[in-house]
Amino acid sequence: MEDERPDVLTIGQLARRTGLSVRTLRFWSDEGAVPPVARSASGYRLYDAASVARVELVRTLRELGLGLDDVCRVLSGRTTVAEAADAHVAALDAQIRSLKVSRAVLSTVAKRGSTAEETALMNRLARLSAAERKQIIDEFKEEVFGGLPVEPRLRDRLRTYGIELPDDPTPEQVDAWIELAELVRDPGFRARMRTMLELSTPVPGQSRPPGASIWWARQAVQTVAEVRKRGIAPEGPAAAEVLSELFGDADRAAVLLCLEAGIGAGAERYRRLVARVRGQYASPDATEELEWLARALRAADQA
């Protein structure tokens, strides 16, 4: 009988030879991935040694994540393994990016103990397109920087100043983007940042405002950090010497006004979030140093 030919295998024998279930082999056969080489007189499927090798190839491609349609295209010669693999790599990259976003959102939700509504908002912010993210930043820039009487060169820098999440962000960058997007969409934050910039932006043809060099002046921050390490109180005479060293005869009331505006705006938080989104190094949070400086200025004013 044809069923007893030694050179062919029944589907049960093929299953035992390959370690796969008859059900899986029957499905692959029905889909055209492992077609039988013949049929027995009773109509049962028959396979040969080449079928065993074909099953192993199908199993390998499936384990690598290729869909059965792609596997069939490879086996029929309509595409090559390399081409199918390249397409699958692209699909996997997209899936990995999506999983990173999901992980970052869930991590943020866990850290914050977020409500369902907050979780939905964070997920929407994390999955915005590049154009949608750019629109959020552009609207923020227009409200905060727009119309400031600044020099043309500085205006150009502000116009081109970008905060972009890379195409393949890390979970930390996604987490920072969620927090940053929430921050820059807050009308209160925008208003406070605008006030700080109005107090510290140089007007063309005029000297720089006394407080303009303070908010981002790392030298002042480093000086105060060293002073704090030595245990110097902001209300003491030693602090007055530090103020003289930093500001000379500048209008300290104006300096304090700008400093308080920056602290109130949370500009340090904004600066560090921008650096994290960009994947750049951010110097340590200087809020405590700036608050020490503000206390010292107030104490000096009251002396």
C-alpha atoms as a PDB file:
ATOM      1  CA  MET A   1       0.000   0.000   0.000  1.00  0.00           C
ATOM      2  CA  GLU A   2       1.072   3.590  -0.621  1.00  0.00           C
ATOM      3  CA  ASP A   3       0.571   4.278   3.096  1.00  0.00           C
ATOM      4  CA  GLU A   4       3.370   1.819   3.861  1.00  0.00           C
ATOM      5  CA  ARG A   5       5.980   3.258   1.468  1.00  0.00           C
ATOM      6  CA  PRO A   6       9.269   3.529   3.392  1.00  0.00           C
ATOM      7  CA  ASP A   7      10.269   6.766   1.666  1.00  0.00           C
ATOM      8  CA  VAL A   8       7.275   8.773   2.884  1.00  0.00           C
ATOM      9  CA  LEU A   9       5.961   9.884   6.265  1.00  0.00           C
ATOM     10  CA  THR A  10       2.463  10.212   7.503  1.00  0.00           C
ATOM     11  CA  ILE A  11       1.622  13.424   9.329  1.00  0.00           C
ATOM     12  CA  GLY A  12       1.859  11.519  12.622  1.00  0.00           C
ATOM     13  CA  GLN A  13       5.344  10.271  11.762  1.00  0.00           C
ATOM     14  CA  LEU A  14       6.380  13.788  10.687  1.00  0.00           C
ATOM     15  CA  ALA A  15       5.118  15.089  14.000  1.00  0.00           C
ATOM     16  CA  ARG A  16       7.211  12.562  15.919  1.00  0.00           C
ATOM     17  CA  ARG A  17      10.272  13.272  13.749  1.00  0.00           C
ATOM     18  CA  THR A  18      10.070  17.057  14.263  1.00  0.00           C
ATOM     19  CA  GLY A  19       8.645  17.228  17.781  1.00  0.00           C
ATOM     20  CA  LEU A  20       5.668  19.304  16.663  1.00  0.00           C
ATOM     21  CA  SER A  21       2.015  18.531  17.144  1.00  0.00           C
ATOM     22  CA  VAL A  22      -0.105  17.052  14.389  1.00  0.00           C
ATOM     23  CA  ARG A  23      -2.457  19.992  14.794  1.00  0.00           C
ATOM     24  CA  THR A  24       0.342  22.520  14.091  1.00  0.00           C
ATOM     25  CA  LEU A  25       1.577  20.555  11.069  1.00  0.00           C
ATOM     26  CA  ARG A  26      -1.945  20.259   9.699  1.00  0.00           C
ATOM     27  CA  PHE A  27      -2.427  24.037  10.040  1.00  0.00           C
ATOM     28  CA  TRP A  28       0.906  24.765   8.339  1.00  0.00           C
ATOM     29  CA  SER A  29      -0.024  22.315   5.601  1.00  0.00           C
ATOM     30  CA  ASP A  30      -3.433  23.929   5.071  1.00  0.00           C
ATOM     31  CA  GLU A  31      -1.755  27.349   4.803  1.00  0.00           C
ATOM     32  CA  GLY A  32       0.692  26.059   2.183  1.00  0.00           C
ATOM     33  CA  ALA A  33       3.843  26.290   4.302  1.00  0.00           C
ATOM     34  CA  VAL A  34       4.404  22.521   4.448  1.00  0.00           C
ATOM     35  CA  PRO A  35       2.322  20.968   1.663  1.00  0.00           C
ATOM     36  CA  PRO A  36       2.187  17.181   1.418  1.00  0.00           C
ATOM     37  CA  VAL A  37       4.213  15.596  -1.352  1.00  0.00           C
ATOM     38  CA  ALA A  38       1.450  13.079  -2.044  1.00  0.00           C
ATOM     39  CA  ARG A  39      -1.747  11.567  -0.755  1.00  0.00           C
ATOM     40  CA  SER A  40      -2.315   7.985   0.277  1.00  0.00           C
ATOM     41  CA  ALA A  41      -5.023   5.865  -1.307  1.00  0.00           C
ATOM     42  CA  SER A  42      -7.109   6.731   1.716  1.00  0.00           C
ATOM     43  CA  GLY A  43      -6.518  10.453   1.164  1.00  0.00           C
ATOM     44  CA  TYR A  44      -4.057  10.977   4.022  1.00  0.00           C
ATOM     45  CA  ARG A  45      -1.217  13.446   3.622  1.00  0.00           C
ATOM     46  CA  LEU A  46       2.249  12.072   2.972  1.00  0.00           C
ATOM     47  CA  TYR A  47       5.608  13.812   3.416  1.00  0.00           C
ATOM     48  CA  ASP A  48       9.228  13.032   2.598  1.00  0.00           C
ATOM     49  CA  ALA A  49      12.697  13.840   3.961  1.00  0.00           C
ATOM     50  CA  ALA A  50      12.627  17.272   2.303  1.00  0.00           C
ATOM     51  CA  SER A  51       9.436  17.983   4.237  1.00  0.00           C
ATOM     52  CA  VAL A  52      11.331  17.471   7.491  1.00  0.00           C
ATOM     53  CA  ALA A  53      13.871  20.127   6.465  1.00  0.00           C
ATOM     54  CA  ARG A  54      11.045  22.403   5.358  1.00  0.00           C
ATOM     55  CA  VAL A  55       9.332  22.044   8.739  1.00  0.00           C
ATOM     56  CA  GLU A  56      12.569  22.993  10.499  1.00  0.00           C
ATOM     57  CA  LEU A  57      12.873  26.120   8.345  1.00  0.00           C
ATOM     58  CA  VAL A  58       9.266  27.086   8.992  1.00  0.00           C
ATOM     59  CA  ARG A  59       9.748  26.547  12.730  1.00  0.00           C
ATOM     60  CA  THR A  60      12.910  28.695  12.739  1.00  0.00           C
ATOM     61  CA  LEU A  61      11.235  31.560  10.886  1.00  0.00           C
ATOM     62  CA  ARG A  62       8.178  31.385  13.122  1.00  0.00           C
ATOM     63  CA  GLU A  63      10.336  31.394  16.267  1.00  0.00           C
ATOM     64  CA  LEU A  64      11.991  34.540  14.924  1.00  0.00           C
ATOM     65  CA  GLY A  65       8.559  36.119  14.779  1.00  0.00           C
ATOM     66  CA  LEU A  66       7.744  36.033  11.056  1.00  0.00           C
ATOM     67  CA  GLY A  67       4.092  35.587  10.240  1.00  0.00           C
ATOM     68  CA  LEU A  68       2.999  32.537   8.316  1.00  0.00           C
ATOM     69  CA  ASP A  69       2.220  34.669   5.247  1.00  0.00           C
ATOM     70  CA  ASP A  70       5.833  35.906   5.179  1.00  0.00           C
ATOM     71  CA  VAL A  71       7.086  32.351   5.693  1.00  0.00           C
ATOM     72  CA  CYS A  72       5.070  31.171   2.704  1.00  0.00           C
ATOM     73  CA  ARG A  73       6.397  34.029   0.567  1.00  0.00           C
ATOM     74  CA  VAL A  74       9.965  32.984   1.453  1.00  0.00           C
ATOM     75  CA  LEU A  75       9.300  29.311   0.728  1.00  0.00           C
ATOM     76  CA  SER A  76       7.615  30.082  -2.604  1.00  0.00           C
ATOM     77  CA  GLY A  77      10.525  32.245  -3.717  1.00  0.00           C
ATOM     78  CA  ARG A  78       8.474  35.465  -3.847  1.00  0.00           C
ATOM     79  CA  THR A  79      10.913  37.014  -1.380  1.00  0.00           C
ATOM     80  CA  THR A  80      14.231  36.104   0.202  1.00  0.00           C
ATOM     81  CA  VAL A  81      14.918  35.319   3.835  1.00  0.00           C
ATOM     82  CA  ALA A  82      17.064  38.458   4.000  1.00  0.00           C
ATOM     83  CA  GLU A  83      14.257  40.667   2.684  1.00  0.00           C
ATOM     84  CA  ALA A  84      11.726  39.136   5.043  1.00  0.00           C
ATOM     85  CA  ALA A  85      14.147  39.500   7.945  1.00  0.00           C
ATOM     86  CA  ASP A  86      14.772  43.165   7.103  1.00  0.00           C
ATOM     87  CA  ALA A  87      11.047  43.904   7.066  1.00  0.00           C
ATOM     88  CA  HIS A  88      10.590  42.042  10.328  1.00  0.00           C
ATOM     89  CA  VAL A  89      13.420  43.980  11.972  1.00  0.00           C
ATOM     90  CA  ALA A  90      11.621  47.215  11.085  1.00  0.00           C
ATOM     91  CA  ALA A  91       8.388  45.872  12.549  1.00  0.00           C
ATOM     92  CA  LEU A  92      10.181  44.724  15.702  1.00  0.00           C
ATOM     93  CA  ASP A  93      11.828  48.139  16.073  1.00  0.00           C
ATOM     94  CA  ALA A  94       8.419  49.802  15.957  1.00  0.00           C
ATOM     95  CA  GLN A  95       7.078  47.316  18.488  1.00  0.00           C
ATOM     96  CA  ILE A  96      10.073  47.867  20.781  1.00  0.00           C
ATOM     97  CA  ARG A  97       9.568  51.644  20.630  1.00  0.00           C
ATOM     98  CA  SER A  98       5.911  51.176  21.518  1.00  0.00           C
ATOM     99  CA  LEU A  99       6.811  48.866  24.405  1.00  0.00           C
ATOM    100  CA  LYS A 100       9.338  51.409  25.701  1.00  0.00           C
ATOM    101  CA  VAL A 101       6.639  54.065  25.712  1.00  0.00           C
ATOM    102  CA  SER A 102       4.225  51.722  27.512  1.00  0.00           C
ATOM    103  CA  ARG A 103       6.879  50.853  30.079  1.00  0.00           C
ATOM    104  CA  ALA A 104       7.712  54.508  30.682  1.00  0.00           C
ATOM    105  CA  VAL A 105       4.047  55.453  31.132  1.00  0.00           C
ATOM    106  CA  LEU A 106       3.410  52.558  33.520  1.00  0.00           C
ATOM    107  CA  SER A 107       6.575  53.390  35.467  1.00  0.00           C
ATOM    108  CA  THR A 108       5.448  57.007  35.823  1.00  0.00           C
ATOM    109  CA  VAL A 109       1.952  55.918  36.855  1.00  0.00           C
ATOM    110  CA  ALA A 110       3.433  53.624  39.512  1.00  0.00           C
ATOM    111  CA  LYS A 111       5.719  56.343  40.880  1.00  0.00           C
ATOM    112  CA  ARG A 112       2.968  58.963  41.044  1.00  0.00           C
ATOM    113  CA  GLY A 113       0.112  56.736  42.110  1.00  0.00           C
ATOM    114  CA  SER A 114      -1.855  58.257  39.247  1.00  0.00           C
ATOM    115  CA  THR A 115      -5.604  58.101  38.784  1.00  0.00           C
ATOM    116  CA  ALA A 116      -7.202  56.538  35.707  1.00  0.00           C
ATOM    117  CA  GLU A 117      -7.739  60.009  34.202  1.00  0.00           C
ATOM    118  CA  GLU A 118      -4.113  61.018  34.803  1.00  0.00           C
ATOM    119  CA  THR A 119      -2.933  57.725  33.321  1.00  0.00           C
ATOM    120  CA  ALA A 120      -4.974  58.312  30.169  1.00  0.00           C
ATOM    121  CA  LEU A 121      -3.538  61.819  29.816  1.00  0.00           C
ATOM    122  CA  MET A 122       0.049  60.643  30.269  1.00  0.00           C
ATOM    123  CA  ASN A 123      -0.461  57.887  27.712  1.00  0.00           C
ATOM    124  CA  ARG A 124      -1.794  60.415  25.176  1.00  0.00           C
ATOM    125  CA  LEU A 125       1.140  62.773  25.812  1.00  0.00           C
ATOM    126  CA  ALA A 126       3.658  59.948  25.445  1.00  0.00           C
ATOM    127  CA  ARG A 127       2.200  58.745  22.135  1.00  0.00           C
ATOM    128  CA  LEU A 128       1.920  62.102  20.398  1.00  0.00           C
ATOM    129  CA  SER A 129       3.467  62.323  16.956  1.00  0.00           C
ATOM    130  CA  ALA A 130       6.603  64.400  16.406  1.00  0.00           C
ATOM    131  CA  ALA A 131       4.465  67.125  14.807  1.00  0.00           C
ATOM    132  CA  GLU A 132       2.080  67.174  17.773  1.00  0.00           C
ATOM    133  CA  ARG A 133       4.958  67.378  20.262  1.00  0.00           C
ATOM    134  CA  LYS A 134       6.486  70.219  18.257  1.00  0.00           C
ATOM    135  CA  GLN A 135       3.179  72.088  18.325  1.00  0.00           C
ATOM    136  CA  ILE A 136       3.059  71.932  22.133  1.00  0.00           C
ATOM    137  CA  ILE A 137       6.598  73.335  22.384  1.00  0.00           C
ATOM    138  CA  ASP A 138       5.966  75.986  19.704  1.00  0.00           C
ATOM    139  CA  GLU A 139       2.855  77.223  21.529  1.00  0.00           C
ATOM    140  CA  PHE A 140       4.840  77.401  24.774  1.00  0.00           C
ATOM    141  CA  LYS A 141       7.678  79.302  23.090  1.00  0.00           C
ATOM    142  CA  GLU A 142       5.297  81.778  21.497  1.00  0.00           C
ATOM    143  CA  GLU A 143       3.550  82.568  24.771  1.00  0.00           C
ATOM    144  CA  VAL A 144       6.714  82.728  26.879  1.00  0.00           C
ATOM    145  CA  PHE A 145       9.279  84.168  24.451  1.00  0.00           C
ATOM    146  CA  GLY A 146       7.103  85.851  21.832  1.00  0.00           C
ATOM    147  CA  GLY A 147       7.234  89.635  21.648  1.00  0.00           C
ATOM    148  CA  LEU A 148      10.168  90.037  23.987  1.00  0.00           C
ATOM    149  CA  PRO A 149      12.275  93.078  22.967  1.00  0.00           C
ATOM    150  CA  VAL A 150      15.397  91.056  22.336  1.00  0.00           C
ATOM    151  CA  GLU A 151      18.331  91.449  19.988  1.00  0.00           C
ATOM    152  CA  PRO A 152      17.889  89.779  16.560  1.00  0.00           C
ATOM    153  CA  ARG A 153      20.580  87.182  17.242  1.00  0.00           C
ATOM    154  CA  LEU A 154      18.909  86.111  20.495  1.00  0.00           C
ATOM    155  CA  ARG A 155      15.492  86.126  18.804  1.00  0.00           C
ATOM    156  CA  ASP A 156      16.804  83.736  16.153  1.00  0.00           C
ATOM    157  CA  ARG A 157      18.157  81.431  18.843  1.00  0.00           C
ATOM    158  CA  LEU A 158      14.819  81.426  20.635  1.00  0.00           C
ATOM    159  CA  ARG A 159      12.960  80.727  17.391  1.00  0.00           C
ATOM    160  CA  THR A 160      15.106  77.714  16.517  1.00  0.00           C
ATOM    161  CA  TYR A 161      15.341  76.439  20.093  1.00  0.00           C
ATOM    162  CA  GLY A 162      13.983  72.908  19.900  1.00  0.00           C
ATOM    163  CA  ILE A 163      12.997  70.309  22.479  1.00  0.00           C
ATOM    164  CA  GLU A 164      12.673  67.080  20.529  1.00  0.00           C
ATOM    165  CA  LEU A 165      12.139  63.541  21.709  1.00  0.00           C
ATOM    166  CA  PRO A 166      14.336  61.224  19.602  1.00  0.00           C
ATOM    167  CA  ASP A 167      12.790  58.574  17.342  1.00  0.00           C
ATOM    168  CA  ASP A 168      14.016  55.819  19.659  1.00  0.00           C
ATOM    169  CA  PRO A 169      13.761  57.369  23.143  1.00  0.00           C
ATOM    170  CA  THR A 170      14.805  55.701  26.358  1.00  0.00           C
ATOM    171  CA  PRO A 171      12.158  55.162  29.072  1.00  0.00           C
ATOM    172  CA  GLU A 172      13.828  57.999  31.019  1.00  0.00           C
ATOM    173  CA  GLN A 173      13.392  60.368  28.065  1.00  0.00           C
ATOM    174  CA  VAL A 174       9.733  59.415  27.656  1.00  0.00           C
ATOM    175  CA  ASP A 175       9.167  59.930  31.380  1.00  0.00           C
ATOM    176  CA  ALA A 176      10.831  63.359  31.176  1.00  0.00           C
ATOM    177  CA  TRP A 177       8.747  64.273  28.110  1.00  0.00           C
ATOM    178  CA  ILE A 178       5.493  63.428  29.917  1.00  0.00           C
ATOM    179  CA  GLU A 179       6.478  65.656  32.844  1.00  0.00           C
ATOM    180  CA  LEU A 180       7.729  68.436  30.562  1.00  0.00           C
ATOM    181  CA  ALA A 181       4.595  68.385  28.399  1.00  0.00           C
ATOM    182  CA  GLU A 182       2.409  68.654  31.474  1.00  0.00           C
ATOM    183  CA  LEU A 183       4.550  71.536  32.742  1.00  0.00           C
ATOM    184  CA  VAL A 184       4.673  73.661  29.586  1.00  0.00           C
ATOM    185  CA  ARG A 185       0.912  73.253  29.045  1.00  0.00           C
ATOM    186  CA  ASP A 186       0.242  74.756  32.497  1.00  0.00           C
ATOM    187  CA  PRO A 187      -0.906  78.391  32.072  1.00  0.00           C
ATOM    188  CA  GLY A 188       0.460  79.309  35.502  1.00  0.00           C
ATOM    189  CA  PHE A 189       3.915  78.033  34.633  1.00  0.00           C
ATOM    190  CA  ARG A 190       3.876  79.896  31.325  1.00  0.00           C
ATOM    191  CA  ALA A 191       2.953  83.149  33.069  1.00  0.00           C
ATOM    192  CA  ARG A 192       5.693  82.764  35.705  1.00  0.00           C
ATOM    193  CA  MET A 193       8.324  81.952  33.085  1.00  0.00           C
ATOM    194  CA  ARG A 194       7.246  84.983  31.054  1.00  0.00           C
ATOM    195  CA  THR A 195       7.656  87.227  34.110  1.00  0.00           C
ATOM    196  CA  MET A 196      11.129  85.840  34.775  1.00  0.00           C
ATOM    197  CA  LEU A 197      12.210  86.428  31.188  1.00  0.00           C
ATOM    198  CA  GLU A 198      10.800  89.958  31.095  1.00  0.00           C
ATOM    199  CA  LEU A 199      12.877  90.767  34.176  1.00  0.00           C
ATOM    200  CA  SER A 200      16.060  89.194  32.840  1.00  0.00           C
ATOM    201  CA  THR A 201      16.012  89.774  29.068  1.00  0.00           C
ATOM    202  CA  PRO A 202      18.363  92.479  27.784  1.00  0.00           C
ATOM    203  CA  VAL A 203      16.663  95.181  25.704  1.00  0.00           C
ATOM    204  CA  PRO A 204      18.492  96.150  22.492  1.00  0.00           C
ATOM    205  CA  GLY A 205      20.661  99.203  23.068  1.00  0.00           C
ATOM    206  CA  GLN A 206      20.434  98.977  26.849  1.00  0.00           C
ATOM    207  CA  SER A 207      22.708  97.396  29.414  1.00  0.00           C
ATOM    208  CA  ARG A 208      21.850  93.957  30.676  1.00  0.00           C
ATOM    209  CA  PRO A 209      19.376  94.015  33.586  1.00  0.00           C
ATOM    210  CA  PRO A 210      21.096  93.457  36.960  1.00  0.00           C
ATOM    211  CA  GLY A 211      19.416  90.090  37.420  1.00  0.00           C
ATOM    212  CA  ALA A 212      19.911  88.859  33.877  1.00  0.00           C
ATOM    213  CA  SER A 213      23.094  86.965  34.559  1.00  0.00           C
ATOM    214  CA  ILE A 214      21.838  85.357  37.750  1.00  0.00           C
ATOM    215  CA  TRP A 215      19.336  82.671  36.895  1.00  0.00           C
ATOM    216  CA  TRP A 216      21.553  80.557  34.673  1.00  0.00           C
ATOM    217  CA  ALA A 217      24.886  81.770  36.035  1.00  0.00           C
ATOM    218  CA  ARG A 218      26.630  78.562  37.057  1.00  0.00           C
ATOM    219  CA  GLN A 219      29.482  80.527  38.622  1.00  0.00           C
ATOM    220  CA  ALA A 220      27.089  82.081  41.138  1.00  0.00           C
ATOM    221  CA  VAL A 221      25.583  78.647  41.838  1.00  0.00           C
ATOM    222  CA  GLN A 222      29.003  77.076  42.363  1.00  0.00           C
ATOM    223  CA  THR A 223      30.065  79.889  44.670  1.00  0.00           C
ATOM    224  CA  VAL A 224      26.946  79.487  46.806  1.00  0.00           C
ATOM    225  CA  ALA A 225      27.332  75.688  46.854  1.00  0.00           C
ATOM    226  CA  GLU A 226      30.839  76.043  48.283  1.00  0.00           C
ATOM    227  CA  VAL A 227      29.599  78.588  50.824  1.00  0.00           C
ATOM    228  CA  ARG A 228      26.802  76.281  51.944  1.00  0.00           C
ATOM    229  CA  LYS A 229      29.264  73.414  52.385  1.00  0.00           C
ATOM    230  CA  ARG A 230      31.164  75.599  54.833  1.00  0.00           C
ATOM    231  CA  GLY A 231      27.957  76.067  56.804  1.00  0.00           C
ATOM    232  CA  ILE A 232      27.633  79.796  56.193  1.00  0.00           C
ATOM    233  CA  ALA A 233      24.124  81.055  56.936  1.00  0.00           C
ATOM    234  CA  PRO A 234      22.475  83.394  54.419  1.00  0.00           C
ATOM    235  CA  GLU A 235      21.697  85.904  57.175  1.00  0.00           C
ATOM    236  CA  GLY A 236      25.264  86.238  58.510  1.00  0.00           C
ATOM    237  CA  PRO A 237      28.058  88.739  57.787  1.00  0.00           C
ATOM    238  CA  ALA A 238      29.977  86.181  55.736  1.00  0.00           C
ATOM    239  CA  ALA A 239      26.989  85.961  53.380  1.00  0.00           C
ATOM    240  CA  ALA A 240      27.139  89.733  52.860  1.00  0.00           C
ATOM    241  CA  GLU A 241      30.709  89.322  51.621  1.00  0.00           C
ATOM    242  CA  VAL A 242      29.567  86.682  49.150  1.00  0.00           C
ATOM    243  CA  LEU A 243      26.922  89.072  47.801  1.00  0.00           C
ATOM    244  CA  SER A 244      29.503  91.802  47.349  1.00  0.00           C
ATOM    245  CA  GLU A 245      31.748  89.386  45.469  1.00  0.00           C
ATOM    246  CA  LEU A 246      28.932  88.261  43.167  1.00  0.00           C
ATOM    247  CA  PHE A 247      27.078  91.509  42.504  1.00  0.00           C
ATOM    248  CA  GLY A 248      29.321  94.419  43.363  1.00  0.00           C
ATOM    249  CA  ASP A 249      27.269  97.627  43.231  1.00  0.00           C
ATOM    250  CA  ALA A 250      24.438  96.183  41.079  1.00  0.00           C
ATOM    251  CA  ASP A 251      20.823  96.920  41.994  1.00  0.00           C
ATOM    252  CA  ARG A 252      20.255  94.020  44.375  1.00  0.00           C
ATOM    253  CA  ALA A 253      16.519  94.627  44.564  1.00  0.00           C
ATOM    254  CA  ALA A 254      16.334  93.960  40.829  1.00  0.00           C
ATOM    255  CA  VAL A 255      18.534  90.903  41.219  1.00  0.00           C
ATOM    256  CA  LEU A 256      16.252  89.556  43.955  1.00  0.00           C
ATOM    257  CA  LEU A 257      13.139  90.247  41.891  1.00  0.00           C
ATOM    258  CA  CYS A 258      14.477  88.224  38.968  1.00  0.00           C
ATOM    259  CA  LEU A 259      15.749  85.486  41.256  1.00  0.00           C
ATOM    260  CA  GLU A 260      12.397  85.099  43.012  1.00  0.00           C
ATOM    261  CA  ALA A 261      10.610  85.030  39.656  1.00  0.00           C
ATOM    262  CA  GLY A 262      12.839  82.189  38.481  1.00  0.00           C
ATOM    263  CA  ILE A 263      12.401  80.226  41.698  1.00  0.00           C
ATOM    264  CA  GLY A 264       8.645  80.763  41.593  1.00  0.00           C
ATOM    265  CA  ALA A 265       8.502  79.641  37.969  1.00  0.00           C
ATOM    266  CA  GLY A 266      10.366  76.411  38.669  1.00  0.00           C
ATOM    267  CA  ALA A 267      12.888  77.221  35.962  1.00  0.00           C
ATOM    268  CA  GLU A 268      15.425  74.736  37.360  1.00  0.00           C
ATOM    269  CA  ARG A 269      12.909  71.925  36.989  1.00  0.00           C
ATOM    270  CA  TYR A 270      12.234  73.046  33.408  1.00  0.00           C
ATOM    271  CA  ARG A 271      15.960  73.206  32.595  1.00  0.00           C
ATOM    272  CA  ARG A 272      16.619  69.710  33.899  1.00  0.00           C
ATOM    273  CA  LEU A 273      13.587  68.199  32.151  1.00  0.00           C
ATOM    274  CA  VAL A 274      14.681  69.683  28.817  1.00  0.00           C
ATOM    275  CA  ALA A 275      18.140  68.160  29.254  1.00  0.00           C
ATOM    276  CA  ARG A 276      16.654  64.745  30.096  1.00  0.00           C
ATOM    277  CA  VAL A 277      14.364  64.786  27.046  1.00  0.00           C
ATOM    278  CA  ARG A 278      17.343  65.605  24.854  1.00  0.00           C
ATOM    279  CA  GLY A 279      19.458  62.915  26.483  1.00  0.00           C
ATOM    280  CA  GLN A 280      21.988  65.517  27.584  1.00  0.00           C
ATOM    281  CA  TYR A 281      23.867  65.933  30.827  1.00  0.00           C
ATOM    282  CA  ALA A 282      22.094  68.256  33.237  1.00  0.00           C
ATOM    283  CA  SER A 283      24.049  69.929  36.003  1.00  0.00           C
ATOM    284  CA  PRO A 284      22.622  69.259  39.476  1.00  0.00           C
ATOM    285  CA  ASP A 285      19.451  70.996  40.607  1.00  0.00           C
ATOM    286  CA  ALA A 286      20.511  74.403  41.912  1.00  0.00           C
ATOM    287  CA  THR A 287      17.203  75.353  43.551  1.00  0.00           C
ATOM    288  CA  GLU A 288      18.622  75.169  47.095  1.00  0.00           C
ATOM    289  CA  GLU A 289      21.599  77.365  46.136  1.00  0.00           C
ATOM    290  CA  LEU A 290      19.302  79.920  44.505  1.00  0.00           C
ATOM    291  CA  GLU A 291      16.978  79.948  47.502  1.00  0.00           C
ATOM    292  CA  TRP A 292      20.010  80.523  49.780  1.00  0.00           C
ATOM    293  CA  LEU A 293      20.979  83.445  47.547  1.00  0.00           C
ATOM    294  CA  ALA A 294      17.470  84.910  47.725  1.00  0.00           C
ATOM    295  CA  ARG A 295      17.463  84.650  51.532  1.00  0.00           C
ATOM    296  CA  ALA A 296      20.848  86.355  51.683  1.00  0.00           C
ATOM    297  CA  LEU A 297      19.626  89.212  49.484  1.00  0.00           C
ATOM    298  CA  ARG A 298      16.522  89.682  51.633  1.00  0.00           C
ATOM    299  CA  ALA A 299      18.602  89.680  54.810  1.00  0.00           C
ATOM    300  CA  ALA A 300      21.024  92.226  53.349  1.00  0.00           C
ATOM    301  CA  ASP A 301      18.101  94.463  52.363  1.00  0.00           C
ATOM    302  CA  GLN A 302      16.775  94.381  55.916  1.00  0.00           C
ATOM    303  CA  ALA A 303      20.146  94.996  57.558  1.00  0.00           C
END
